[in-house]
């Protein structure tokens, strides 16, 4: 096992924070047009938007741990 510290984890943490920031700005930007939608459509949008940002985390977390984007 390699015991040398790497910058992958700190860089990965910064990438996660950047992902959250970009996703939040995107959703908030869309909020003005979404307010005109029916309540059920708004709820569905925010449910999907609130969980979709998690999808890019799996490869990012894998890269942070082992240094590869794919298995």
N, C-alpha and C. Protein backbone atom coordinates (compact mmCIF):
# COMPACT_ATOMS: atom_id res chain seq x y z
N UNK A 1 0.84 -1.17 0.00
CA UNK A 1 0.00 0.00 0.00
C UNK A 1 0.89 1.24 0.00
N UNK A 2 0.54 2.21 -0.81
CA UNK A 2 1.30 3.44 -0.93
C UNK A 2 0.97 4.35 0.25
N UNK A 3 1.98 4.71 1.03
CA UNK A 3 1.74 5.55 2.19
C UNK A 3 2.08 7.02 1.94
N UNK A 4 2.53 7.33 0.73
CA UNK A 4 2.83 8.72 0.38
C UNK A 4 1.54 9.52 0.29
N UNK A 5 1.47 10.64 0.99
CA UNK A 5 0.27 11.47 0.88
C UNK A 5 0.19 12.10 -0.52
N UNK A 6 -1.02 12.21 -1.02
CA UNK A 6 -1.22 12.83 -2.33
C UNK A 6 -2.18 14.00 -2.18
N UNK A 7 -2.27 14.78 -3.21
CA UNK A 7 -3.18 15.92 -3.21
C UNK A 7 -4.57 15.54 -3.73
N UNK A 8 -4.78 14.27 -4.05
CA UNK A 8 -6.07 13.87 -4.61
C UNK A 8 -7.24 14.19 -3.69
N UNK A 9 -7.11 13.91 -2.41
CA UNK A 9 -8.23 14.14 -1.50
C UNK A 9 -8.53 15.63 -1.30
N UNK A 10 -7.55 16.47 -1.03
CA UNK A 10 -7.88 17.91 -0.93
C UNK A 10 -8.43 18.47 -2.23
N UNK A 11 -7.85 18.07 -3.36
CA UNK A 11 -8.35 18.54 -4.66
C UNK A 11 -9.76 18.01 -4.89
N UNK A 12 -10.00 16.76 -4.53
CA UNK A 12 -11.33 16.17 -4.67
C UNK A 12 -12.37 16.90 -3.83
N UNK A 13 -12.00 17.27 -2.62
CA UNK A 13 -12.92 18.02 -1.75
C UNK A 13 -13.26 19.36 -2.38
N UNK A 14 -12.25 20.04 -2.92
CA UNK A 14 -12.50 21.31 -3.60
C UNK A 14 -13.39 21.11 -4.83
N UNK A 15 -13.19 20.01 -5.54
CA UNK A 15 -14.04 19.73 -6.70
C UNK A 15 -15.48 19.46 -6.28
N UNK A 16 -15.67 18.76 -5.18
CA UNK A 16 -17.02 18.51 -4.67
C UNK A 16 -17.70 19.83 -4.30
N UNK A 17 -16.98 20.70 -3.61
CA UNK A 17 -17.55 21.99 -3.25
C UNK A 17 -17.87 22.83 -4.48
N UNK A 18 -17.01 22.77 -5.49
CA UNK A 18 -17.27 23.49 -6.74
C UNK A 18 -18.50 22.92 -7.44
N UNK A 19 -18.63 21.60 -7.45
CA UNK A 19 -19.80 20.95 -8.05
C UNK A 19 -21.08 21.42 -7.37
N UNK A 20 -21.08 21.44 -6.05
CA UNK A 20 -22.26 21.88 -5.30
C UNK A 20 -22.58 23.34 -5.61
N UNK A 21 -21.55 24.18 -5.67
CA UNK A 21 -21.75 25.59 -5.95
C UNK A 21 -22.33 25.80 -7.35
N UNK A 22 -21.75 25.15 -8.35
CA UNK A 22 -22.23 25.29 -9.73
C UNK A 22 -23.66 24.77 -9.85
N UNK A 23 -23.94 23.63 -9.24
CA UNK A 23 -25.28 23.05 -9.32
C UNK A 23 -26.31 23.97 -8.65
N UNK A 24 -25.94 24.54 -7.51
CA UNK A 24 -26.84 25.45 -6.80
C UNK A 24 -27.13 26.69 -7.63
N UNK A 25 -26.11 27.27 -8.22
CA UNK A 25 -26.30 28.45 -9.07
C UNK A 25 -27.20 28.10 -10.26
N UNK A 26 -27.01 26.94 -10.85
CA UNK A 26 -27.84 26.52 -11.98
C UNK A 26 -29.31 26.39 -11.58
N UNK A 27 -29.57 25.74 -10.48
CA UNK A 27 -30.95 25.53 -10.03
C UNK A 27 -31.60 26.86 -9.64
N UNK A 28 -30.86 27.71 -8.94
CA UNK A 28 -31.41 29.00 -8.54
C UNK A 28 -31.69 29.87 -9.77
N UNK A 29 -30.83 29.78 -10.78
CA UNK A 29 -31.06 30.52 -12.02
C UNK A 29 -32.34 30.08 -12.70
N UNK A 30 -32.62 28.81 -12.65
CA UNK A 30 -33.84 28.28 -13.27
C UNK A 30 -35.09 28.54 -12.44
N UNK A 31 -34.94 28.91 -11.19
CA UNK A 31 -36.07 29.05 -10.28
C UNK A 31 -37.09 30.08 -10.74
N UNK A 32 -36.65 31.16 -11.39
CA UNK A 32 -37.59 32.18 -11.83
C UNK A 32 -38.59 31.64 -12.85
N UNK A 33 -38.13 30.79 -13.75
CA UNK A 33 -39.05 30.24 -14.74
C UNK A 33 -39.86 29.08 -14.17
N UNK A 34 -39.34 28.42 -13.17
CA UNK A 34 -40.03 27.27 -12.59
C UNK A 34 -41.19 27.69 -11.71
N UNK A 35 -41.15 28.89 -11.18
CA UNK A 35 -42.20 29.35 -10.28
C UNK A 35 -43.57 29.39 -10.97
N UNK A 36 -43.59 29.48 -12.28
CA UNK A 36 -44.85 29.52 -13.02
C UNK A 36 -45.44 28.12 -13.24
N UNK A 37 -44.66 27.09 -12.96
CA UNK A 37 -45.13 25.72 -13.15
C UNK A 37 -46.14 25.35 -12.07
N UNK A 38 -46.95 24.33 -12.33
CA UNK A 38 -47.83 23.80 -11.26
C UNK A 38 -46.99 23.27 -10.10
N UNK A 39 -47.59 23.26 -8.93
CA UNK A 39 -46.87 22.85 -7.72
C UNK A 39 -46.31 21.44 -7.86
N UNK A 40 -47.07 20.52 -8.46
CA UNK A 40 -46.59 19.14 -8.58
C UNK A 40 -45.35 19.07 -9.48
N UNK A 41 -45.31 19.90 -10.54
CA UNK A 41 -44.16 19.91 -11.44
C UNK A 41 -42.95 20.54 -10.76
N UNK A 42 -43.18 21.58 -9.99
CA UNK A 42 -42.09 22.20 -9.23
C UNK A 42 -41.50 21.18 -8.24
N UNK A 43 -42.37 20.46 -7.56
CA UNK A 43 -41.91 19.47 -6.59
C UNK A 43 -41.08 18.39 -7.26
N UNK A 44 -41.54 17.93 -8.40
CA UNK A 44 -40.81 16.90 -9.14
C UNK A 44 -39.45 17.43 -9.60
N UNK A 45 -39.43 18.66 -10.12
CA UNK A 45 -38.18 19.27 -10.55
C UNK A 45 -37.18 19.35 -9.40
N UNK A 46 -37.63 19.89 -8.27
CA UNK A 46 -36.72 20.06 -7.15
C UNK A 46 -36.29 18.73 -6.53
N UNK A 47 -37.15 17.73 -6.59
CA UNK A 47 -36.77 16.39 -6.13
C UNK A 47 -35.65 15.83 -7.00
N UNK A 48 -35.82 15.95 -8.31
CA UNK A 48 -34.80 15.45 -9.24
C UNK A 48 -33.53 16.29 -9.14
N UNK A 49 -33.66 17.61 -9.13
CA UNK A 49 -32.50 18.49 -9.05
C UNK A 49 -31.76 18.32 -7.73
N UNK A 50 -32.50 18.02 -6.68
CA UNK A 50 -31.88 17.85 -5.37
C UNK A 50 -31.09 16.57 -5.22
N UNK A 51 -31.34 15.60 -6.08
CA UNK A 51 -30.61 14.34 -6.00
C UNK A 51 -29.66 14.11 -7.18
N UNK A 52 -29.87 14.79 -8.29
CA UNK A 52 -29.07 14.56 -9.50
C UNK A 52 -27.61 14.97 -9.33
N UNK A 53 -27.33 15.92 -8.47
CA UNK A 53 -25.94 16.35 -8.29
C UNK A 53 -25.06 15.26 -7.70
N UNK A 54 -25.69 14.25 -7.13
CA UNK A 54 -24.95 13.15 -6.51
C UNK A 54 -24.30 12.24 -7.55
N UNK A 55 -24.88 12.15 -8.76
CA UNK A 55 -24.39 11.23 -9.78
C UNK A 55 -22.90 11.41 -10.11
N UNK A 56 -22.40 12.62 -10.28
CA UNK A 56 -20.97 12.75 -10.59
C UNK A 56 -20.04 12.44 -9.42
N UNK A 57 -20.59 12.25 -8.23
CA UNK A 57 -19.75 12.01 -7.07
C UNK A 57 -19.08 10.65 -7.07
N UNK A 58 -19.74 9.63 -7.61
CA UNK A 58 -19.17 8.28 -7.57
C UNK A 58 -17.80 8.21 -8.26
N UNK A 59 -17.69 8.67 -9.53
CA UNK A 59 -16.35 8.63 -10.13
C UNK A 59 -15.36 9.55 -9.43
N UNK A 60 -15.84 10.68 -8.93
CA UNK A 60 -14.95 11.61 -8.24
C UNK A 60 -14.42 10.98 -6.95
N UNK A 61 -15.29 10.36 -6.19
CA UNK A 61 -14.86 9.70 -4.96
C UNK A 61 -13.93 8.53 -5.25
N UNK A 62 -14.19 7.80 -6.34
CA UNK A 62 -13.31 6.70 -6.74
C UNK A 62 -11.92 7.25 -7.08
N UNK A 63 -11.89 8.37 -7.83
CA UNK A 63 -10.61 8.98 -8.18
C UNK A 63 -9.87 9.43 -6.93
N UNK A 64 -10.59 10.00 -5.98
CA UNK A 64 -9.95 10.45 -4.75
C UNK A 64 -9.32 9.28 -4.00
N UNK A 65 -9.98 8.14 -4.05
CA UNK A 65 -9.51 6.98 -3.27
C UNK A 65 -8.39 6.21 -3.98
N UNK A 66 -8.56 5.94 -5.28
CA UNK A 66 -7.60 5.05 -5.96
C UNK A 66 -6.83 5.73 -7.08
N UNK A 67 -7.23 6.90 -7.50
CA UNK A 67 -6.50 7.60 -8.55
C UNK A 67 -6.94 7.28 -9.95
N UNK A 68 -8.06 6.56 -10.11
CA UNK A 68 -8.60 6.23 -11.43
C UNK A 68 -10.04 6.68 -11.50
N UNK A 69 -10.45 7.17 -12.68
CA UNK A 69 -11.83 7.62 -12.86
C UNK A 69 -12.77 6.44 -13.06
N UNK A 70 -12.26 5.35 -13.65
CA UNK A 70 -13.09 4.17 -13.92
C UNK A 70 -12.45 2.96 -13.29
N UNK A 71 -13.28 1.92 -13.09
CA UNK A 71 -12.76 0.68 -12.49
C UNK A 71 -11.80 -0.02 -13.41
